[in-house]
Amino acid sequence: MVPQPLAAGTGGGRWYPTLCTLGTGEILALEGHPGGDDTRHANPTPERYQPLANSWVELPAIGEPCSGVPLLYPRSHLLNDGDVFISSEIPNYNTNIKVNPYTGAVVKLGSLPDDGPPDTKSYWSYHLPSVLLPLVPRDGYQARILLCGTNRQSLEVHAVVALPVAPPIEVHIVRFLY
């Protein structure tokens, strides 16, 4: 992630992050696995790359470093207000959240899909997608994010999160797989 990942003032680099391009052209790097000499198993410290200055700005950590399975490729989407919506399990934030990419402030926005016993939480992994749906003028360009996935009971589960309503409106669409 950084030209000199062990240089002073950098987050140490990371493998398997999510990169989200901001409205300014800057890039927000989220989560991932830190370098091999790092004792953490995940990198909860977001960084913002400023291409004009060719420098990285470290933001406050989101959640806590985990010692188990690292959070790889968190689902993130840039919102109209410049904040970033995240729908992945972040330690201490087991909910949808939005993050200010300049201050690091976090706002909880409602449950993740499959919010139940651990054996039904397949959405909480990194292999299921989310999609920012088209922004249309008739509703003021309200952001809607489709959270896609399946749970372990052979049901296909989709939720549409409408923002900036707090808490978000979730509409679940369930279809049996044959």
N, C-alpha and C. Protein backbone atom coordinates (compact mmCIF):
# COMPACT_ATOMS: atom_id res chain seq x y z
N MET A 1 0.81 -1.19 0.00
CA MET A 1 0.00 0.00 0.00
C MET A 1 0.86 1.26 0.00
N VAL A 2 1.94 1.26 0.72
CA VAL A 2 2.80 2.44 0.77
C VAL A 2 4.13 2.12 0.13
N PRO A 3 4.77 3.12 -0.53
CA PRO A 3 6.06 2.86 -1.17
C PRO A 3 7.10 2.33 -0.20
N GLN A 4 7.09 2.84 1.03
CA GLN A 4 8.03 2.38 2.05
C GLN A 4 7.20 1.92 3.25
N PRO A 5 6.68 0.69 3.24
CA PRO A 5 5.70 0.29 4.25
C PRO A 5 6.19 0.31 5.68
N LEU A 6 7.47 0.34 5.92
CA LEU A 6 7.95 0.38 7.30
C LEU A 6 8.49 1.75 7.67
N ALA A 7 8.29 2.75 6.82
CA ALA A 7 8.77 4.09 7.11
C ALA A 7 7.97 4.69 8.26
N ALA A 8 8.58 5.61 8.98
CA ALA A 8 7.90 6.28 10.09
C ALA A 8 6.67 7.00 9.57
N GLY A 9 5.59 6.97 10.36
CA GLY A 9 4.38 7.68 10.00
C GLY A 9 3.48 6.96 9.01
N THR A 10 3.74 5.67 8.77
CA THR A 10 2.85 4.92 7.88
C THR A 10 2.21 3.80 8.67
N GLY A 11 1.12 3.25 8.15
CA GLY A 11 0.38 2.20 8.83
C GLY A 11 0.98 0.83 8.67
N GLY A 12 2.12 0.70 7.99
CA GLY A 12 2.78 -0.59 7.89
C GLY A 12 2.41 -1.40 6.68
N GLY A 13 1.58 -0.87 5.81
CA GLY A 13 1.17 -1.63 4.64
C GLY A 13 0.12 -2.66 4.98
N ARG A 14 -0.44 -3.29 3.97
CA ARG A 14 -1.48 -4.29 4.21
C ARG A 14 -1.70 -5.12 2.95
N TRP A 15 -2.12 -6.37 3.18
CA TRP A 15 -2.51 -7.26 2.10
C TRP A 15 -4.03 -7.37 2.13
N TYR A 16 -4.67 -7.51 0.98
CA TYR A 16 -6.10 -7.76 0.83
C TYR A 16 -6.99 -6.68 1.45
N PRO A 17 -6.69 -5.40 1.23
CA PRO A 17 -7.57 -4.35 1.75
C PRO A 17 -8.71 -4.08 0.78
N THR A 18 -9.60 -3.21 1.19
CA THR A 18 -10.56 -2.60 0.26
C THR A 18 -10.10 -1.18 0.05
N LEU A 19 -10.09 -0.75 -1.21
CA LEU A 19 -9.75 0.63 -1.55
C LEU A 19 -11.01 1.31 -2.04
N CYS A 20 -11.30 2.48 -1.51
CA CYS A 20 -12.50 3.23 -1.88
C CYS A 20 -12.06 4.61 -2.35
N THR A 21 -12.35 4.95 -3.61
CA THR A 21 -11.99 6.27 -4.13
C THR A 21 -12.99 7.30 -3.63
N LEU A 22 -12.48 8.37 -3.05
CA LEU A 22 -13.31 9.43 -2.49
C LEU A 22 -13.61 10.48 -3.55
N GLY A 23 -14.54 11.37 -3.28
CA GLY A 23 -14.92 12.40 -4.22
C GLY A 23 -13.80 13.35 -4.57
N THR A 24 -12.80 13.46 -3.71
CA THR A 24 -11.66 14.35 -3.94
C THR A 24 -10.58 13.70 -4.80
N GLY A 25 -10.75 12.40 -5.09
CA GLY A 25 -9.71 11.66 -5.80
C GLY A 25 -8.76 10.96 -4.85
N GLU A 26 -8.90 11.23 -3.56
CA GLU A 26 -8.08 10.51 -2.57
C GLU A 26 -8.60 9.08 -2.46
N ILE A 27 -7.81 8.20 -1.87
CA ILE A 27 -8.16 6.79 -1.77
C ILE A 27 -8.14 6.37 -0.30
N LEU A 28 -9.23 5.75 0.15
CA LEU A 28 -9.32 5.25 1.51
C LEU A 28 -9.00 3.77 1.50
N ALA A 29 -8.00 3.35 2.29
CA ALA A 29 -7.63 1.93 2.43
C ALA A 29 -8.21 1.42 3.75
N LEU A 30 -8.95 0.32 3.67
CA LEU A 30 -9.64 -0.24 4.84
C LEU A 30 -9.21 -1.68 5.09
N GLU A 31 -8.95 -1.98 6.36
CA GLU A 31 -8.70 -3.33 6.86
C GLU A 31 -7.60 -4.06 6.10
N GLY A 32 -7.73 -5.37 5.94
CA GLY A 32 -6.69 -6.17 5.31
C GLY A 32 -5.76 -6.79 6.33
N HIS A 33 -4.78 -7.50 5.84
CA HIS A 33 -3.81 -8.21 6.68
C HIS A 33 -2.50 -7.44 6.66
N PRO A 34 -1.95 -7.11 7.85
CA PRO A 34 -0.68 -6.36 7.86
C PRO A 34 0.49 -7.22 7.41
N GLY A 35 1.64 -6.58 7.27
CA GLY A 35 2.86 -7.27 6.85
C GLY A 35 3.24 -8.40 7.79
N GLY A 36 4.11 -9.31 7.31
CA GLY A 36 4.49 -10.49 8.05
C GLY A 36 5.17 -10.23 9.38
N ASP A 37 5.85 -9.09 9.53
CA ASP A 37 6.54 -8.82 10.78
C ASP A 37 5.65 -8.09 11.78
N ASP A 38 4.40 -7.86 11.45
CA ASP A 38 3.44 -7.19 12.33
C ASP A 38 2.78 -8.25 13.19
N THR A 39 2.65 -8.01 14.49
CA THR A 39 2.06 -8.99 15.40
C THR A 39 0.54 -9.04 15.31
N ARG A 40 -0.07 -8.05 14.68
CA ARG A 40 -1.53 -8.07 14.53
C ARG A 40 -1.91 -9.01 13.39
N HIS A 41 -3.13 -9.54 13.48
CA HIS A 41 -3.62 -10.42 12.41
C HIS A 41 -4.52 -9.65 11.44
N ALA A 42 -4.85 -8.42 11.79
CA ALA A 42 -5.66 -7.57 10.92
C ALA A 42 -5.21 -6.14 11.12
N ASN A 43 -5.48 -5.29 10.16
CA ASN A 43 -5.08 -3.89 10.23
C ASN A 43 -6.34 -3.03 10.31
N PRO A 44 -6.78 -2.66 11.54
CA PRO A 44 -8.00 -1.88 11.69
C PRO A 44 -7.80 -0.38 11.48
N THR A 45 -6.59 0.03 11.11
CA THR A 45 -6.28 1.45 10.96
C THR A 45 -6.48 1.90 9.52
N PRO A 46 -7.55 2.68 9.25
CA PRO A 46 -7.73 3.16 7.88
C PRO A 46 -6.68 4.21 7.54
N GLU A 47 -6.34 4.27 6.27
CA GLU A 47 -5.40 5.28 5.78
C GLU A 47 -6.00 5.92 4.54
N ARG A 48 -5.71 7.19 4.35
CA ARG A 48 -6.19 7.92 3.18
C ARG A 48 -4.99 8.38 2.37
N TYR A 49 -4.94 7.96 1.11
CA TYR A 49 -3.84 8.35 0.23
C TYR A 49 -4.19 9.65 -0.47
N GLN A 50 -3.26 10.61 -0.42
CA GLN A 50 -3.41 11.90 -1.08
C GLN A 50 -2.49 11.92 -2.29
N PRO A 51 -3.03 11.71 -3.50
CA PRO A 51 -2.17 11.59 -4.67
C PRO A 51 -1.40 12.85 -5.01
N LEU A 52 -1.97 14.03 -4.77
CA LEU A 52 -1.25 15.26 -5.10
C LEU A 52 -0.02 15.47 -4.23
N ALA A 53 -0.10 15.01 -2.98
CA ALA A 53 1.04 15.12 -2.07
C ALA A 53 1.86 13.83 -2.03
N ASN A 54 1.37 12.77 -2.69
CA ASN A 54 2.00 11.45 -2.65
C ASN A 54 2.29 11.03 -1.21
N SER A 55 1.25 11.16 -0.36
CA SER A 55 1.43 10.81 1.05
C SER A 55 0.18 10.12 1.59
N TRP A 56 0.36 9.42 2.70
CA TRP A 56 -0.71 8.71 3.38
C TRP A 56 -1.03 9.41 4.68
N VAL A 57 -2.32 9.50 5.02
CA VAL A 57 -2.78 10.06 6.29
C VAL A 57 -3.41 8.92 7.07
N GLU A 58 -2.92 8.66 8.27
CA GLU A 58 -3.46 7.60 9.11
C GLU A 58 -4.64 8.14 9.91
N LEU A 59 -5.74 7.39 9.93
CA LEU A 59 -6.94 7.77 10.67
C LEU A 59 -7.04 6.92 11.93
N PRO A 60 -7.93 7.31 12.87
CA PRO A 60 -8.11 6.48 14.07
C PRO A 60 -8.60 5.07 13.69
N ALA A 61 -8.18 4.08 14.45
CA ALA A 61 -8.57 2.69 14.19
C ALA A 61 -10.08 2.55 14.27
N ILE A 62 -10.63 1.69 13.41
CA ILE A 62 -12.05 1.34 13.46
C ILE A 62 -12.11 -0.04 14.09
N GLY A 63 -12.67 -0.14 15.27
CA GLY A 63 -12.72 -1.42 15.96
C GLY A 63 -11.37 -1.77 16.58
N GLU A 64 -11.22 -3.01 16.92
CA GLU A 64 -10.01 -3.50 17.58
C GLU A 64 -9.29 -4.50 16.68
N PRO A 65 -7.96 -4.59 16.80
CA PRO A 65 -7.25 -5.63 16.05
C PRO A 65 -7.76 -7.00 16.48
N CYS A 66 -7.89 -7.91 15.54
CA CYS A 66 -8.37 -9.24 15.90
C CYS A 66 -7.21 -10.24 15.84
N SER A 67 -7.34 -11.29 16.61
CA SER A 67 -6.31 -12.31 16.60
C SER A 67 -6.77 -13.53 15.79
N GLY A 68 -8.05 -13.56 15.43
CA GLY A 68 -8.58 -14.68 14.66
C GLY A 68 -8.46 -14.41 13.18
N VAL A 69 -9.50 -14.70 12.45
CA VAL A 69 -9.52 -14.51 11.00
C VAL A 69 -9.51 -13.01 10.71
N PRO A 70 -8.60 -12.54 9.86
CA PRO A 70 -8.56 -11.11 9.57
C PRO A 70 -9.75 -10.68 8.72
N LEU A 71 -10.10 -9.41 8.83
CA LEU A 71 -11.16 -8.86 7.99
C LEU A 71 -10.54 -8.46 6.66
N LEU A 72 -10.89 -9.18 5.61
CA LEU A 72 -10.36 -8.91 4.28
C LEU A 72 -11.48 -8.34 3.43
N TYR A 73 -11.17 -7.40 2.59
CA TYR A 73 -12.10 -6.83 1.62
C TYR A 73 -13.43 -6.39 2.23
N PRO A 74 -13.44 -5.49 3.21
CA PRO A 74 -14.74 -5.04 3.73
C PRO A 74 -15.54 -4.34 2.62
N ARG A 75 -16.84 -4.59 2.62
CA ARG A 75 -17.72 -3.98 1.61
C ARG A 75 -17.89 -2.50 1.95
N SER A 76 -17.51 -1.61 1.02
CA SER A 76 -17.61 -0.17 1.29
C SER A 76 -18.12 0.57 0.07
N HIS A 77 -18.83 1.67 0.33
CA HIS A 77 -19.41 2.48 -0.75
C HIS A 77 -19.36 3.95 -0.34
N LEU A 78 -18.96 4.81 -1.27
CA LEU A 78 -18.95 6.25 -1.03
C LEU A 78 -20.38 6.77 -1.09
N LEU A 79 -20.77 7.54 -0.06
CA LEU A 79 -22.11 8.11 0.00
C LEU A 79 -22.11 9.55 -0.49
N ASN A 80 -23.29 10.10 -0.74
CA ASN A 80 -23.46 11.46 -1.24
C ASN A 80 -22.81 12.50 -0.33
N ASP A 81 -22.83 12.28 0.97
CA ASP A 81 -22.29 13.26 1.91
C ASP A 81 -20.78 13.15 2.09
N GLY A 82 -20.12 12.24 1.37
CA GLY A 82 -18.67 12.08 1.46
C GLY A 82 -18.24 11.02 2.45
N ASP A 83 -19.17 10.51 3.28
CA ASP A 83 -18.84 9.43 4.19
C ASP A 83 -18.80 8.11 3.43
N VAL A 84 -18.26 7.07 4.06
CA VAL A 84 -18.14 5.75 3.45
C VAL A 84 -18.99 4.77 4.24
N PHE A 85 -19.91 4.08 3.56
CA PHE A 85 -20.77 3.06 4.16
C PHE A 85 -20.02 1.74 4.13
N ILE A 86 -20.02 1.03 5.27
CA ILE A 86 -19.34 -0.28 5.37
C ILE A 86 -20.35 -1.30 5.89
N SER A 87 -20.49 -2.41 5.18
CA SER A 87 -21.40 -3.47 5.61
C SER A 87 -20.63 -4.77 5.76
N SER A 88 -19.70 -4.78 6.68
CA SER A 88 -18.90 -5.96 7.00
C SER A 88 -18.71 -5.98 8.51
N GLU A 89 -18.42 -7.17 9.04
CA GLU A 89 -18.21 -7.27 10.48
C GLU A 89 -16.87 -6.64 10.84
N ILE A 90 -16.93 -5.51 11.52
CA ILE A 90 -15.75 -4.83 12.04
C ILE A 90 -15.75 -5.09 13.54
N PRO A 91 -14.66 -5.60 14.14
CA PRO A 91 -14.67 -5.85 15.58
C PRO A 91 -15.13 -4.61 16.36
N ASN A 92 -16.05 -4.82 17.29
CA ASN A 92 -16.72 -3.80 18.11
C ASN A 92 -17.80 -3.05 17.35
N TYR A 93 -17.94 -3.28 16.06
CA TYR A 93 -19.01 -2.69 15.25
C TYR A 93 -19.64 -3.79 14.41
N ASN A 94 -20.34 -4.71 15.03
CA ASN A 94 -20.96 -5.82 14.30
C ASN A 94 -22.29 -5.38 13.71
N THR A 95 -22.22 -4.31 12.92
CA THR A 95 -23.39 -3.67 12.34
C THR A 95 -22.95 -2.91 11.10
N ASN A 96 -23.90 -2.45 10.30
CA ASN A 96 -23.55 -1.53 9.22
C ASN A 96 -23.08 -0.23 9.87
N ILE A 97 -22.06 0.38 9.29
CA ILE A 97 -21.57 1.65 9.83
C ILE A 97 -21.27 2.61 8.68
N LYS A 98 -21.16 3.88 9.02
CA LYS A 98 -20.59 4.82 8.05
C LYS A 98 -19.45 5.53 8.74
N VAL A 99 -18.40 5.81 7.96
CA VAL A 99 -17.16 6.37 8.48
C VAL A 99 -16.85 7.67 7.75
N ASN A 100 -16.47 8.69 8.51
CA ASN A 100 -16.00 9.93 7.90
C ASN A 100 -14.54 9.70 7.52
N PRO A 101 -14.19 9.76 6.23
CA PRO A 101 -12.83 9.44 5.81
C PRO A 101 -11.79 10.52 6.13
N TYR A 102 -12.23 11.61 6.76
CA TYR A 102 -11.30 12.68 7.12
C TYR A 102 -11.07 12.76 8.62
N THR A 103 -12.11 12.42 9.42
CA THR A 103 -11.96 12.47 10.87
C THR A 103 -11.89 11.08 11.49
N GLY A 104 -12.40 10.07 10.78
CA GLY A 104 -12.46 8.71 11.32
C GLY A 104 -13.69 8.46 12.17
N ALA A 105 -14.58 9.47 12.31
CA ALA A 105 -15.79 9.30 13.12
C ALA A 105 -16.66 8.19 12.54
N VAL A 106 -17.21 7.34 13.43
CA VAL A 106 -18.02 6.19 13.03
C VAL A 106 -19.44 6.35 13.56
N VAL A 107 -20.43 6.05 12.71
CA VAL A 107 -21.84 6.07 13.09
C VAL A 107 -22.42 4.69 12.79
N LYS A 108 -23.07 4.07 13.81
CA LYS A 108 -23.73 2.77 13.60
C LYS A 108 -25.04 3.00 12.84
N LEU A 109 -25.34 2.08 11.89
CA LEU A 109 -26.52 2.27 11.04
C LEU A 109 -27.50 1.11 11.01
N GLY A 110 -27.34 0.09 11.77
CA GLY A 110 -28.30 -1.01 11.74
C GLY A 110 -27.64 -2.35 11.51
N SER A 111 -28.42 -3.39 11.68
CA SER A 111 -27.91 -4.76 11.66
C SER A 111 -27.39 -5.20 10.30
N LEU A 112 -26.41 -6.09 10.35
CA LEU A 112 -25.95 -6.79 9.15
C LEU A 112 -26.95 -7.90 8.84
N PRO A 113 -27.03 -8.36 7.58
CA PRO A 113 -27.88 -9.52 7.29
C PRO A 113 -27.41 -10.73 8.10
N ASP A 114 -28.30 -11.66 8.29
CA ASP A 114 -27.98 -12.91 9.02
C ASP A 114 -27.53 -12.62 10.44
N ASP A 115 -28.09 -11.60 11.07
CA ASP A 115 -27.69 -11.25 12.43
C ASP A 115 -28.35 -12.24 13.38
N GLY A 116 -27.67 -13.32 13.66
CA GLY A 116 -28.22 -14.37 14.50
C GLY A 116 -27.11 -15.23 15.05
N PRO A 117 -27.38 -16.51 15.29
CA PRO A 117 -26.34 -17.40 15.81
C PRO A 117 -25.13 -17.46 14.88
N PRO A 118 -23.94 -17.69 15.43
CA PRO A 118 -22.72 -17.70 14.62
C PRO A 118 -22.76 -18.61 13.41
N ASP A 119 -23.46 -19.75 13.49
CA ASP A 119 -23.47 -20.67 12.35
C ASP A 119 -24.36 -20.19 11.19
N THR A 120 -25.07 -19.07 11.35
CA THR A 120 -25.89 -18.53 10.26
C THR A 120 -25.31 -17.25 9.69
N LYS A 121 -24.17 -16.82 10.16
CA LYS A 121 -23.62 -15.52 9.77
C LYS A 121 -22.69 -15.60 8.57
N SER A 122 -23.12 -16.24 7.50
CA SER A 122 -22.25 -16.36 6.34
C SER A 122 -22.00 -15.02 5.66
N TYR A 123 -22.93 -14.07 5.78
CA TYR A 123 -22.73 -12.76 5.15
C TYR A 123 -21.55 -12.02 5.78
N TRP A 124 -21.22 -12.36 7.00
CA TRP A 124 -20.20 -11.62 7.73
C TRP A 124 -18.79 -11.91 7.21
N SER A 125 -18.65 -12.84 6.31
CA SER A 125 -17.35 -13.13 5.71
C SER A 125 -17.09 -12.14 4.58
N TYR A 126 -16.05 -12.40 3.79
CA TYR A 126 -15.68 -11.44 2.75
C TYR A 126 -16.11 -11.86 1.35
N HIS A 127 -16.72 -13.01 1.17
CA HIS A 127 -16.99 -13.51 -0.17
C HIS A 127 -18.39 -13.19 -0.71
N LEU A 128 -19.18 -12.38 -0.03
CA LEU A 128 -20.51 -12.01 -0.51
C LEU A 128 -20.53 -10.52 -0.81
N PRO A 129 -21.17 -10.11 -1.91
CA PRO A 129 -21.06 -8.72 -2.37
C PRO A 129 -22.13 -7.78 -1.81
N SER A 130 -21.87 -6.51 -2.04
CA SER A 130 -22.88 -5.46 -1.87
C SER A 130 -22.72 -4.53 -3.06
N VAL A 131 -23.82 -3.85 -3.42
CA VAL A 131 -23.83 -3.02 -4.62
C VAL A 131 -24.52 -1.70 -4.30
N LEU A 132 -23.89 -0.59 -4.67
CA LEU A 132 -24.54 0.71 -4.59
C LEU A 132 -25.46 0.82 -5.79
N LEU A 133 -26.76 0.93 -5.54
CA LEU A 133 -27.74 1.00 -6.63
C LEU A 133 -27.72 2.40 -7.25
N PRO A 134 -28.26 2.55 -8.46
CA PRO A 134 -28.22 3.86 -9.14
C PRO A 134 -28.84 4.98 -8.29
N LEU A 135 -28.19 6.12 -8.31
CA LEU A 135 -28.71 7.31 -7.65
C LEU A 135 -29.59 8.04 -8.66
N VAL A 136 -30.84 8.29 -8.29
CA VAL A 136 -31.78 8.90 -9.24
C VAL A 136 -32.32 10.22 -8.70
N PRO A 137 -32.60 11.19 -9.60
CA PRO A 137 -33.02 12.51 -9.15
C PRO A 137 -34.41 12.54 -8.52
N ARG A 138 -35.31 11.62 -8.89
CA ARG A 138 -36.69 11.71 -8.39
C ARG A 138 -36.80 11.55 -6.87
N ASP A 139 -35.80 10.94 -6.24
CA ASP A 139 -35.83 10.82 -4.78
C ASP A 139 -34.66 11.53 -4.12
N GLY A 140 -34.12 12.53 -4.81
CA GLY A 140 -33.03 13.32 -4.23
C GLY A 140 -31.71 12.58 -4.18
N TYR A 141 -31.52 11.63 -5.06
CA TYR A 141 -30.26 10.86 -5.12
C TYR A 141 -29.98 10.11 -3.82
N GLN A 142 -31.03 9.56 -3.24
CA GLN A 142 -30.88 8.80 -2.00
C GLN A 142 -30.08 7.52 -2.28
N ALA A 143 -29.09 7.27 -1.44
CA ALA A 143 -28.27 6.07 -1.60
C ALA A 143 -29.04 4.83 -1.15
N ARG A 144 -28.98 3.79 -1.98
CA ARG A 144 -29.54 2.49 -1.63
C ARG A 144 -28.47 1.45 -1.92
N ILE A 145 -28.25 0.58 -0.95
CA ILE A 145 -27.20 -0.42 -1.09
C ILE A 145 -27.82 -1.80 -0.96
N LEU A 146 -27.59 -2.64 -1.96
CA LEU A 146 -28.11 -4.00 -1.97
C LEU A 146 -27.06 -4.91 -1.34
N LEU A 147 -27.42 -5.56 -0.24
CA LEU A 147 -26.54 -6.50 0.45
C LEU A 147 -26.96 -7.90 0.00
N CYS A 148 -26.08 -8.62 -0.66
CA CYS A 148 -26.42 -9.91 -1.27
C CYS A 148 -25.75 -11.05 -0.51
N GLY A 149 -26.42 -12.19 -0.49
CA GLY A 149 -25.77 -13.33 0.14
C GLY A 149 -26.73 -14.44 0.45
N THR A 150 -26.21 -15.49 1.03
CA THR A 150 -27.03 -16.63 1.42
C THR A 150 -26.70 -16.98 2.86
N ASN A 151 -27.70 -17.52 3.53
CA ASN A 151 -27.40 -18.04 4.86
C ASN A 151 -27.27 -19.54 4.77
N ARG A 152 -27.02 -20.17 5.87
CA ARG A 152 -26.71 -21.61 5.84
C ARG A 152 -27.96 -22.48 5.88
N GLN A 153 -29.12 -21.87 5.76
CA GLN A 153 -30.35 -22.64 5.76
C GLN A 153 -30.92 -22.72 4.34
N SER A 154 -30.05 -22.59 3.32
CA SER A 154 -30.42 -22.67 1.90
C SER A 154 -31.43 -21.62 1.48
N LEU A 155 -31.40 -20.47 2.10
CA LEU A 155 -32.25 -19.35 1.70
C LEU A 155 -31.37 -18.26 1.13
N GLU A 156 -31.84 -17.64 0.07
CA GLU A 156 -31.12 -16.51 -0.49
C GLU A 156 -31.65 -15.26 0.20
N VAL A 157 -30.79 -14.46 0.77
CA VAL A 157 -31.22 -13.29 1.53
C VAL A 157 -30.61 -12.04 0.91
N HIS A 158 -31.45 -11.05 0.67
CA HIS A 158 -30.98 -9.77 0.17
C HIS A 158 -31.60 -8.69 1.04
N ALA A 159 -30.87 -7.67 1.33
CA ALA A 159 -31.41 -6.54 2.07
C ALA A 159 -31.05 -5.27 1.31
N VAL A 160 -31.98 -4.34 1.26
CA VAL A 160 -31.71 -3.05 0.66
C VAL A 160 -31.66 -2.04 1.80
N VAL A 161 -30.53 -1.38 1.93
CA VAL A 161 -30.37 -0.38 2.98
C VAL A 161 -30.50 0.98 2.32
N ALA A 162 -31.47 1.78 2.77
CA ALA A 162 -31.69 3.11 2.22
C ALA A 162 -31.10 4.14 3.18
N LEU A 163 -30.25 5.00 2.66
CA LEU A 163 -29.60 6.02 3.48
C LEU A 163 -30.00 7.38 2.94
N PRO A 164 -30.00 8.46 3.70
CA PRO A 164 -29.43 8.63 5.02
C PRO A 164 -30.41 8.43 6.16
N VAL A 165 -31.54 7.75 5.94
CA VAL A 165 -32.49 7.50 7.01
C VAL A 165 -31.77 6.80 8.15
N ALA A 166 -32.02 7.24 9.39
CA ALA A 166 -31.37 6.59 10.53
C ALA A 166 -32.44 6.04 11.45
N PRO A 167 -32.50 4.77 11.76
CA PRO A 167 -31.69 3.70 11.18
C PRO A 167 -32.15 3.39 9.75
N PRO A 168 -31.31 2.75 8.97
CA PRO A 168 -31.65 2.47 7.58
C PRO A 168 -32.88 1.57 7.47
N ILE A 169 -33.57 1.71 6.37
CA ILE A 169 -34.72 0.86 6.08
C ILE A 169 -34.17 -0.40 5.43
N GLU A 170 -34.55 -1.55 5.95
CA GLU A 170 -34.11 -2.81 5.36
C GLU A 170 -35.31 -3.54 4.80
N VAL A 171 -35.21 -3.97 3.57
CA VAL A 171 -36.25 -4.75 2.92
C VAL A 171 -35.61 -6.09 2.58
N HIS A 172 -36.09 -7.17 3.20
CA HIS A 172 -35.50 -8.49 2.95
C HIS A 172 -36.29 -9.21 1.87
N ILE A 173 -35.58 -9.77 0.93
CA ILE A 173 -36.17 -10.54 -0.16
C ILE A 173 -35.64 -11.95 0.01
N VAL A 174 -36.52 -12.90 0.25
CA VAL A 174 -36.09 -14.28 0.52
C VAL A 174 -36.59 -15.17 -0.61
N ARG A 175 -35.71 -16.02 -1.13
CA ARG A 175 -36.07 -16.94 -2.20
C ARG A 175 -35.45 -18.30 -1.88
N PHE A 176 -36.25 -19.35 -1.92
CA PHE A 176 -35.73 -20.69 -1.69
C PHE A 176 -34.92 -21.14 -2.90
N LEU A 177 -33.81 -21.79 -2.65
CA LEU A 177 -33.00 -22.36 -3.73
C LEU A 177 -33.46 -23.79 -3.95
N TYR A 178 -33.57 -24.20 -5.18
CA TYR A 178 -34.04 -25.56 -5.50
C TYR A 178 -32.88 -26.44 -5.82
